[in-house]
């Protein structure tokens, strides 16, 4: 490892950003699921969807607490781990981060409390409106965050002068080449997170308890999200790959392990990239299929890693994160659609699935988190050595700390996040097995 402090800084920030991303997307996905349950409950099938709402709103509330807690380390590390970053992109990042914070504060302070604690004090129509507004607010906050993340991948609408970015066109900045793709990927993965979580929870519940109408409705909702989301995920990953080829040719070459410009653009399905030897030690390739996924020069020659003088992402990490992501997306697609076709033949009855299949669904309930983790590895760690692609390097803005201090703080953050993640999973498993604790009633009120 050529620069251990820099890698530890990246890893520490990746832990914090990844933990925040896991629960933020879980929260967004569950928010729209709760909107669906509330609307269906008003449509004449009350009992099953009311019960579904009451269970999943507790899971949603737990994710809301974790998101609020996870946001603080990310903001702190922007100053402690990357102290030089805001001085360079503050004119861009400042307003966007303020938009995220204000949107989150307004919608959560105004509507989240009413949604979680005010149901018995307002009409059903008004409470449904609160649930819808919370979902909209979370989606808007996510959209602002995606503007900043996508702009750092393709810094359009701002000029770098005297070491600082200055905004020249907010429309071009917001609707940069990656924004719609990133937002679409975030929303689709949030749907997959919620869908597989719901399927896994109901499948696990069916192994220990009698299945009722509520379980069937939750399972069907989750299966619909998983099946539709798996199709959209492939479409958006293809769009993302094309955008990387057009705007980030170095990352595209690393993703394809394409070393020499102008050589046959064969697509390696499996390979062992060697940066020291600038070649693949082992490769299973499809001939001439990498061309659409590679950048080209002004005369149409495919650009290899030799054109970037070492200023490219770690090849093995970028190469394998993308292939594992596509492989897992394929597994999600086939598993969700096979499940859909099977239960459709049995009137969507959950218990018609064999026990082994239901155990598989239970084991896969966090597969959406794995998809998000692999995508973040390719996007964030695959952006190295740049903080803002093509202009600001990580080395320019990183903290000057010793390796021992960075290792200790990174390890501490990692341990805390593992414990919080384990606590969330344990609470969810307990709720699945024993049910949620009923709310006590006093004087006719909850």
Protein backbone atom coordinates (compact mmCIF):
# COMPACT_ATOMS: atom_id res chain seq x y z
CA UNK A 1 0.00 0.00 0.00
CA UNK A 2 1.79 3.13 -1.21
CA UNK A 3 0.02 5.67 0.99
CA UNK A 4 -1.42 4.11 4.12
CA UNK A 5 -2.71 7.36 5.74
CA UNK A 6 -4.60 8.26 2.57
CA UNK A 7 -6.13 4.79 2.29
CA UNK A 8 -7.14 4.82 5.96
CA UNK A 9 -8.75 8.24 5.48
CA UNK A 10 -10.74 6.89 2.54
CA UNK A 11 -11.71 3.78 4.46
CA UNK A 12 -12.83 5.74 7.53
CA UNK A 13 -14.99 8.07 5.48
CA UNK A 14 -16.32 5.13 3.44
CA UNK A 15 -17.46 3.40 6.66
CA UNK A 16 -19.35 6.49 7.80
CA UNK A 17 -20.82 7.32 4.40
CA UNK A 18 -21.74 3.69 3.80
CA UNK A 19 -23.48 3.33 7.17
CA UNK A 20 -25.44 6.50 6.53
CA UNK A 21 -26.32 5.32 3.02
CA UNK A 22 -27.55 1.92 4.21
CA UNK A 23 -30.11 3.33 6.61
CA UNK A 24 -31.01 6.40 4.56
CA UNK A 25 -32.01 4.24 1.60
CA UNK A 26 -33.77 1.80 3.93
CA UNK A 27 -35.69 4.72 5.39
CA UNK A 28 -36.64 6.12 1.99
CA UNK A 29 -37.80 2.72 0.74
CA UNK A 30 -39.85 2.05 3.86
CA UNK A 31 -41.33 5.56 3.76
CA UNK A 32 -42.92 4.91 0.37
CA UNK A 33 -44.01 1.42 1.48
CA UNK A 34 -45.82 3.05 4.42
CA UNK A 35 -47.50 5.45 2.00
CA UNK A 36 -48.71 2.43 0.01
CA UNK A 37 -50.02 0.71 3.16
CA UNK A 38 -51.87 3.84 4.28
CA UNK A 39 -53.48 4.36 0.88
CA UNK A 40 -54.54 0.70 0.66
CA UNK A 41 -55.95 0.86 4.17
CA UNK A 42 -58.17 3.74 3.01
CA UNK A 43 -59.25 1.73 -0.02
CA UNK A 44 -61.47 -0.74 1.80
CA UNK A 45 -59.01 -3.48 2.87
CA UNK A 46 -58.23 -1.95 6.22
CA UNK A 47 -57.32 -4.66 8.67
CA UNK A 48 -54.42 -6.31 6.85
CA UNK A 49 -52.77 -3.05 5.75
CA UNK A 50 -53.34 -1.32 9.07
CA UNK A 51 -51.51 -4.17 10.81
CA UNK A 52 -48.75 -4.04 8.20
CA UNK A 53 -48.38 -0.29 8.71
CA UNK A 54 -48.19 -0.65 12.49
CA UNK A 55 -45.35 -3.17 12.29
CA UNK A 56 -43.27 -1.49 9.60
CA UNK A 57 -43.63 2.03 10.97
CA UNK A 58 -41.68 0.81 14.01
CA UNK A 59 -38.87 -0.42 11.77
CA UNK A 60 -39.02 2.92 9.94
CA UNK A 61 -38.74 4.83 13.23
CA UNK A 62 -35.65 2.83 14.17
CA UNK A 63 -34.00 3.63 10.83
CA UNK A 64 -34.85 7.31 11.34
CA UNK A 65 -32.92 7.32 14.64
CA UNK A 66 -29.93 5.61 13.05
CA UNK A 67 -29.91 8.02 10.08
CA UNK A 68 -29.85 11.02 12.42
CA UNK A 69 -27.00 9.46 14.41
CA UNK A 70 -25.05 8.45 11.28
CA UNK A 71 -25.24 11.90 9.70
CA UNK A 72 -23.12 13.52 12.41
CA UNK A 73 -19.86 11.54 11.79
CA UNK A 74 -20.10 12.23 8.06
CA UNK A 75 -20.29 15.98 8.67
CA UNK A 76 -17.51 15.82 11.26
CA UNK A 77 -15.21 13.81 8.98
CA UNK A 78 -15.62 16.29 6.14
CA UNK A 79 -13.64 18.61 8.37
CA UNK A 80 -11.43 16.20 10.29
CA UNK A 81 -10.47 13.72 7.54
CA UNK A 82 -10.69 16.00 4.50
CA UNK A 83 -9.85 19.45 5.96
CA UNK A 84 -8.89 20.94 2.61
CA UNK A 85 -11.98 19.85 0.71
CA UNK A 86 -14.47 22.53 1.72
CA UNK A 87 -12.00 25.31 0.96
CA UNK A 88 -11.97 24.09 -2.64
CA UNK A 89 -15.62 23.11 -3.19
CA UNK A 90 -17.36 25.08 -0.44
CA UNK A 91 -19.17 27.34 -2.92
CA UNK A 92 -20.77 24.24 -4.42
CA UNK A 93 -21.05 21.90 -1.45
CA UNK A 94 -22.17 24.52 1.09
CA UNK A 95 -25.53 25.39 -0.51
CA UNK A 96 -26.22 21.74 -1.38
CA UNK A 97 -25.47 20.50 2.14
CA UNK A 98 -27.58 23.32 3.54
CA UNK A 99 -30.43 22.20 1.27
CA UNK A 100 -30.11 18.63 2.60
CA UNK A 101 -30.09 19.78 6.24
CA UNK A 102 -32.94 22.28 5.82
CA UNK A 103 -35.10 19.81 3.89
CA UNK A 104 -34.47 17.12 6.50
CA UNK A 105 -35.10 19.51 9.40
CA UNK A 106 -38.30 21.01 7.97
CA UNK A 107 -39.95 17.77 6.98
CA UNK A 108 -38.84 15.80 10.02
CA UNK A 109 -39.61 18.50 12.57
CA UNK A 110 -42.96 19.37 11.02
CA UNK A 111 -44.28 16.02 9.84
CA UNK A 112 -42.29 13.08 11.26
CA UNK A 113 -43.48 13.63 14.84
CA UNK A 114 -47.09 13.92 13.66
CA UNK A 115 -46.68 10.75 11.62
CA UNK A 116 -45.18 8.68 14.45
CA UNK A 117 -47.06 10.03 17.48
CA UNK A 118 -50.11 11.90 16.25
CA UNK A 119 -52.16 9.21 14.54
CA UNK A 120 -54.81 9.04 17.29
CA UNK A 121 -55.10 12.83 17.49
CA UNK A 122 -55.92 13.55 13.85
CA UNK A 123 -58.18 12.26 11.12
CA UNK A 124 -57.06 9.35 8.99
CA UNK A 125 -56.89 11.57 5.89
CA UNK A 126 -54.65 14.10 7.66
CA UNK A 127 -52.40 11.37 9.02
CA UNK A 128 -52.10 9.85 5.55
CA UNK A 129 -51.03 13.29 4.29
CA UNK A 130 -48.33 13.39 7.00
CA UNK A 131 -46.98 10.02 5.84
CA UNK A 132 -46.89 11.22 2.21
CA UNK A 133 -45.10 14.45 3.16
CA UNK A 134 -42.47 12.58 5.17
CA UNK A 135 -41.76 10.33 2.16
CA UNK A 136 -41.53 13.35 -0.15
CA UNK A 137 -39.21 15.16 2.27
CA UNK A 138 -36.85 12.20 2.57
CA UNK A 139 -36.76 11.83 -1.21
CA UNK A 140 -35.95 15.52 -1.66
CA UNK A 141 -33.14 15.31 0.90
CA UNK A 142 -31.78 12.26 -0.92
CA UNK A 143 -31.99 14.12 -4.23
CA UNK A 144 -29.91 17.04 -2.91
CA UNK A 145 -27.29 14.61 -1.60
CA UNK A 146 -27.19 12.91 -5.01
CA UNK A 147 -26.58 16.29 -6.68
CA UNK A 148 -23.41 16.76 -4.64
CA UNK A 149 -22.17 13.18 -5.06
CA UNK A 150 -22.84 13.17 -8.80
CA UNK A 151 -21.26 16.62 -9.28
CA UNK A 152 -18.05 15.34 -7.67
CA UNK A 153 -18.02 12.64 -10.34
CA UNK A 154 -18.56 15.15 -13.16
CA UNK A 155 -18.01 18.78 -12.06
CA UNK A 156 -20.25 20.61 -14.54
CA UNK A 157 -21.60 24.13 -14.03
CA UNK A 158 -18.64 25.37 -11.96
CA UNK A 159 -15.17 26.66 -12.79
CA UNK A 160 -11.97 26.05 -10.81
CA UNK A 161 -10.04 29.30 -10.34
CA UNK A 162 -7.38 30.16 -7.73
CA UNK A 163 -7.87 26.77 -6.10
CA UNK A 164 -11.62 27.22 -5.57
CA UNK A 165 -14.70 26.15 -7.47
CA UNK A 166 -17.16 28.92 -8.31
CA UNK A 167 -20.65 28.20 -9.61
CA UNK A 168 -21.38 29.62 -13.06
CA UNK A 169 -24.57 27.71 -13.92
CA UNK A 170 -26.70 26.13 -11.21
CA UNK A 171 -28.91 24.33 -13.71
CA UNK A 172 -25.92 22.63 -15.34
CA UNK A 173 -24.49 21.86 -11.89
CA UNK A 174 -27.68 20.26 -10.57
CA UNK A 175 -28.45 18.34 -13.76
CA UNK A 176 -24.88 17.16 -14.29
CA UNK A 177 -24.34 14.02 -16.41
CA UNK A 178 -24.58 11.64 -13.43
CA UNK A 179 -27.41 13.18 -11.39
CA UNK A 180 -30.49 11.46 -12.82
CA UNK A 181 -28.63 8.15 -13.02
CA UNK A 182 -27.45 8.40 -9.38
CA UNK A 183 -30.89 9.42 -8.15
CA UNK A 184 -32.50 6.60 -10.11
CA UNK A 185 -30.01 4.07 -8.73
CA UNK A 186 -30.57 5.32 -5.17
CA UNK A 187 -34.36 5.04 -5.46
CA UNK A 188 -34.26 1.63 -7.14
CA UNK A 189 -31.84 0.24 -4.54
CA UNK A 190 -34.02 1.70 -1.77
CA UNK A 191 -36.96 -0.20 -3.29
CA UNK A 192 -34.88 -3.39 -3.43
CA UNK A 193 -33.73 -2.90 0.17
CA UNK A 194 -37.32 -2.52 1.34
CA UNK A 195 -38.61 -5.31 -0.91
CA UNK A 196 -36.11 -7.96 0.16
CA UNK A 197 -36.36 -6.87 3.79
CA UNK A 198 -40.14 -7.35 3.69
CA UNK A 199 -39.90 -10.69 1.87
CA UNK A 200 -37.20 -11.94 4.22
CA UNK A 201 -39.06 -10.89 7.35
CA UNK A 202 -42.35 -12.49 6.29
CA UNK A 203 -40.54 -15.65 5.12
CA UNK A 204 -38.79 -15.93 8.49
CA UNK A 205 -42.07 -15.26 10.29
CA UNK A 206 -43.76 -18.04 8.30
CA UNK A 207 -41.19 -20.55 9.59
CA UNK A 208 -42.28 -19.96 13.21
CA UNK A 209 -45.87 -18.69 13.09
CA UNK A 210 -49.12 -19.10 11.21
CA UNK A 211 -49.31 -16.91 8.11
CA UNK A 212 -52.24 -14.45 8.02
CA UNK A 213 -53.57 -11.96 5.47
CA UNK A 214 -51.18 -9.27 6.70
CA UNK A 215 -48.15 -11.49 6.05
CA UNK A 216 -49.44 -12.31 2.57
CA UNK A 217 -49.97 -8.63 1.73
CA UNK A 218 -46.53 -7.63 2.99
CA UNK A 219 -44.90 -10.49 1.08
CA UNK A 220 -46.68 -9.60 -2.16
CA UNK A 221 -45.69 -5.93 -1.78
CA UNK A 222 -42.06 -6.82 -1.16
CA UNK A 223 -42.00 -9.29 -4.04
CA UNK A 224 -43.44 -6.69 -6.41
CA UNK A 225 -40.77 -4.17 -5.38
CA UNK A 226 -38.00 -6.75 -5.78
CA UNK A 227 -39.15 -7.98 -9.20
CA UNK A 228 -39.68 -4.50 -10.67
CA UNK A 229 -36.57 -3.06 -9.02
CA UNK A 230 -34.32 -5.84 -10.32
CA UNK A 231 -35.28 -4.99 -13.91
CA UNK A 232 -34.78 -1.25 -13.45
CA UNK A 233 -31.45 -1.87 -11.73
CA UNK A 234 -29.97 -3.47 -14.85
CA UNK A 235 -31.19 -0.59 -17.02
CA UNK A 236 -29.68 2.03 -14.72
CA UNK A 237 -26.39 0.15 -14.34
CA UNK A 238 -26.10 0.11 -18.14
CA UNK A 239 -26.76 3.87 -18.26
CA UNK A 240 -24.18 4.41 -15.51
CA UNK A 241 -21.61 2.36 -17.43
CA UNK A 242 -22.13 4.45 -20.56
CA UNK A 243 -21.79 7.68 -18.54
CA UNK A 244 -18.54 6.46 -16.96
CA UNK A 245 -17.14 5.71 -20.42
CA UNK A 246 -18.11 9.18 -21.65
CA UNK A 247 -16.95 11.26 -18.67
CA UNK A 248 -14.49 9.10 -16.66
CA UNK A 249 -12.34 7.20 -19.17
CA UNK A 250 -9.75 6.28 -16.54
CA UNK A 251 -12.36 4.58 -14.34
CA UNK A 252 -13.86 2.92 -17.44
CA UNK A 253 -10.45 1.50 -18.38
CA UNK A 254 -9.89 0.27 -14.81
CA UNK A 255 -13.35 -1.33 -14.76
CA UNK A 256 -12.53 -3.22 -17.96
CA UNK A 257 -8.87 -3.86 -16.95
CA UNK A 258 -7.96 -2.41 -20.37
CA UNK A 259 -4.25 -1.61 -20.30
CA UNK A 260 -3.05 -0.59 -23.78
CA UNK A 261 -4.89 2.01 -25.84
CA UNK A 262 -5.89 0.94 -29.33
CA UNK A 263 -5.51 -2.78 -28.66
CA UNK A 264 -8.41 -5.18 -29.18
CA UNK A 265 -11.15 -4.02 -26.76
CA UNK A 266 -11.99 -7.48 -25.48
CA UNK A 267 -14.25 -7.64 -22.43
CA UNK A 268 -12.75 -9.74 -19.60
CA UNK A 269 -15.44 -11.55 -17.64
CA UNK A 270 -12.87 -12.83 -15.15
CA UNK A 271 -9.30 -11.62 -14.78
CA UNK A 272 -6.45 -11.11 -12.35
CA UNK A 273 -5.28 -7.52 -12.99
CA UNK A 274 -1.64 -6.82 -12.15
CA UNK A 275 -0.80 -3.12 -11.86
CA UNK A 276 2.90 -3.81 -11.45
CA UNK A 277 2.98 -5.69 -14.75
CA UNK A 278 0.30 -3.54 -16.45
CA UNK A 279 -1.48 -6.64 -17.68
CA UNK A 280 -3.97 -9.32 -16.73
CA UNK A 281 -2.26 -12.43 -15.42
CA UNK A 282 -5.34 -14.50 -16.13
CA UNK A 283 -8.34 -13.56 -18.22
CA UNK A 284 -11.52 -15.06 -19.64
CA UNK A 285 -12.64 -12.64 -22.36
CA UNK A 286 -15.44 -11.93 -24.79
CA UNK A 287 -13.88 -10.59 -28.01
CA UNK A 288 -14.47 -6.97 -29.00
CA UNK A 289 -17.32 -6.35 -26.53
CA UNK A 290 -15.66 -3.75 -24.28
CA UNK A 291 -15.82 -0.92 -26.83
CA UNK A 292 -19.16 0.62 -25.62
CA UNK A 293 -17.82 0.72 -22.04
CA UNK A 294 -14.51 2.46 -22.80
CA UNK A 295 -13.62 6.08 -23.35
CA UNK A 296 -12.31 7.13 -26.75
CA UNK A 297 -10.02 9.89 -27.99
CA UNK A 298 -10.83 12.44 -30.68
CA UNK A 299 -10.23 9.93 -33.48
CA UNK A 300 -12.22 7.12 -31.84
CA UNK A 301 -9.36 5.04 -30.42
CA UNK A 302 -10.26 3.26 -27.16
CA UNK A 303 -8.38 4.72 -24.19
CA UNK A 304 -6.43 2.32 -21.98
CA UNK A 305 -4.80 2.76 -18.60
CA UNK A 306 -1.49 3.63 -20.27
CA UNK A 307 -2.93 7.05 -21.17
CA UNK A 308 -3.44 8.13 -17.55
CA UNK A 309 0.09 7.93 -16.11
CA UNK A 310 -0.98 6.22 -12.88
CA UNK A 311 -3.82 8.72 -12.25
CA UNK A 312 -6.48 6.06 -12.23
CA UNK A 313 -8.43 4.03 -9.70
CA UNK A 314 -7.06 0.83 -8.11
CA UNK A 315 -7.63 -1.57 -10.98
CA UNK A 316 -8.37 -4.80 -9.10
CA UNK A 317 -10.78 -3.09 -6.68
CA UNK A 318 -12.64 -1.27 -9.45
CA UNK A 319 -12.65 -4.32 -11.72
CA UNK A 320 -14.01 -6.77 -9.14
CA UNK A 321 -16.47 -4.43 -7.42
CA UNK A 322 -18.24 -3.90 -10.75
CA UNK A 323 -18.35 -7.60 -11.63
CA UNK A 324 -19.59 -8.61 -8.20
CA UNK A 325 -22.24 -5.88 -8.44
CA UNK A 326 -23.47 -7.12 -11.82
CA UNK A 327 -23.34 -10.74 -10.64
CA UNK A 328 -25.35 -9.94 -7.51
CA UNK A 329 -27.83 -7.88 -9.54
CA UNK A 330 -28.29 -10.90 -11.81
CA UNK A 331 -28.86 -13.14 -8.82
CA UNK A 332 -31.43 -10.70 -7.43
CA UNK A 333 -33.21 -10.63 -10.78
CA UNK A 334 -33.44 -14.40 -11.19
CA UNK A 335 -34.30 -15.13 -7.56
CA UNK A 336 -37.07 -12.51 -7.37
CA UNK A 337 -38.61 -13.48 -10.71
CA UNK A 338 -38.42 -17.22 -10.02
CA UNK A 339 -40.16 -16.58 -6.70
CA UNK A 340 -42.79 -14.47 -8.45
CA UNK A 341 -43.49 -17.12 -11.10
CA UNK A 342 -43.67 -19.88 -8.47
CA UNK A 343 -46.08 -18.14 -6.09
CA UNK A 344 -48.20 -16.89 -8.98
CA UNK A 345 -48.98 -20.53 -9.81
CA UNK A 346 -50.17 -20.96 -6.20
CA UNK A 347 -52.37 -17.84 -5.91
CA UNK A 348 -49.51 -15.88 -4.27
CA UNK A 349 -49.62 -18.08 -1.19
CA UNK A 350 -46.42 -17.64 0.82
CA UNK A 351 -46.61 -21.05 2.47
CA UNK A 352 -46.69 -22.72 -0.96
CA UNK A 353 -42.97 -22.03 -1.14
CA UNK A 354 -40.83 -24.91 0.15
CA UNK A 355 -39.24 -24.36 3.56
CA UNK A 356 -35.78 -24.27 2.01
CA UNK A 357 -36.87 -21.51 -0.37
CA UNK A 358 -38.33 -19.50 2.50
CA UNK A 359 -35.11 -19.93 4.45
CA UNK A 360 -33.27 -18.63 1.39
CA UNK A 361 -35.54 -15.58 1.29
CA UNK A 362 -34.92 -15.01 4.98
CA UNK A 363 -31.15 -15.20 4.44
CA UNK A 364 -31.39 -12.72 1.54
CA UNK A 365 -33.32 -10.02 3.39
CA UNK A 366 -30.27 -7.73 3.50
CA UNK A 367 -29.18 -8.29 -0.10
CA UNK A 368 -30.15 -4.70 -0.94
CA UNK A 369 -27.47 -3.51 1.48
CA UNK A 370 -24.90 -5.64 -0.35
CA UNK A 371 -25.90 -4.07 -3.67
CA UNK A 372 -25.49 -0.60 -2.21
CA UNK A 373 -22.12 -1.46 -0.68
CA UNK A 374 -20.69 -2.75 -3.96
CA UNK A 375 -22.00 0.25 -5.88
CA UNK A 376 -20.45 2.64 -3.35
CA UNK A 377 -17.11 0.83 -3.60
CA UNK A 378 -17.12 1.32 -7.37
CA UNK A 379 -18.30 4.94 -7.21
CA UNK A 380 -16.39 6.27 -4.20
CA UNK A 381 -13.21 4.15 -3.94
CA UNK A 382 -13.16 3.81 -7.73
CA UNK A 383 -12.93 7.60 -8.01
CA UNK A 384 -9.40 7.62 -6.58
CA UNK A 385 -7.06 9.40 -6.76
CA UNK A 386 -9.56 12.24 -7.15
CA UNK A 387 -11.96 13.83 -4.69
CA UNK A 388 -13.48 15.85 -7.54
CA UNK A 389 -12.91 13.89 -10.70
CA UNK A 390 -10.12 15.21 -12.90
CA UNK A 391 -9.28 18.27 -10.80
CA UNK A 392 -8.95 17.92 -7.01
CA UNK A 393 -6.99 14.93 -5.72
CA UNK A 394 -7.53 13.20 -2.40
CA UNK A 395 -3.92 13.83 -1.43
CA UNK A 396 -4.49 17.61 -1.71
CA UNK A 397 -7.35 17.67 0.80
CA UNK A 398 -6.49 14.77 3.17
CA UNK A 399 -5.58 15.25 6.83
CA UNK A 400 -1.92 15.11 7.89
CA UNK A 401 -2.18 12.54 10.67
CA UNK A 402 -0.02 9.58 11.59
CA UNK A 403 -0.96 6.13 10.41
CA UNK A 404 -1.46 4.94 14.02
CA UNK A 405 -4.04 7.64 14.81
CA UNK A 406 -5.94 7.08 11.59
CA UNK A 407 -5.90 3.32 12.11
CA UNK A 408 -7.23 3.67 15.67
CA UNK A 409 -10.05 6.05 14.71
CA UNK A 410 -10.97 3.97 11.65
CA UNK A 411 -11.11 0.83 13.79
CA UNK A 412 -13.22 2.62 16.41
CA UNK A 413 -15.71 3.82 13.83
CA UNK A 414 -15.85 0.35 12.30
CA UNK A 415 -16.55 -1.32 15.66
CA UNK A 416 -19.31 1.18 16.51
CA UNK A 417 -20.99 0.72 13.15
CA UNK A 418 -20.82 -3.09 13.39
CA UNK A 419 -22.42 -2.96 16.86
CA UNK A 420 -25.19 -0.62 15.70
CA UNK A 421 -25.83 -2.78 12.65
CA UNK A 422 -25.94 -5.92 14.80
CA UNK A 423 -28.31 -4.18 17.22
CA UNK A 424 -30.69 -3.25 14.42
CA UNK A 425 -30.69 -6.80 13.05
CA UNK A 426 -31.22 -8.27 16.53
CA UNK A 427 -34.18 -5.96 17.26
CA UNK A 428 -35.72 -6.79 13.90
CA UNK A 429 -35.28 -10.53 14.47
CA UNK A 430 -36.84 -10.22 17.92
CA UNK A 431 -39.83 -8.35 16.49
CA UNK A 432 -40.28 -10.99 13.80
CA UNK A 433 -40.21 -13.85 16.29
CA UNK A 434 -42.22 -12.34 19.15
CA UNK A 435 -44.06 -9.40 17.62
CA UNK A 436 -43.85 -5.73 18.58
CA UNK A 437 -44.63 -4.55 22.09
CA UNK A 438 -48.21 -3.24 22.11
CA UNK A 439 -48.68 0.43 22.94
CA UNK A 440 -50.24 0.92 26.35
CA UNK A 441 -53.63 2.64 26.48
CA UNK A 442 -54.55 5.12 29.17
CA UNK A 443 -57.79 7.02 29.32
CA UNK A 444 -58.75 5.81 25.90
CA UNK A 445 -55.57 7.07 24.22
CA UNK A 446 -52.35 5.40 23.14
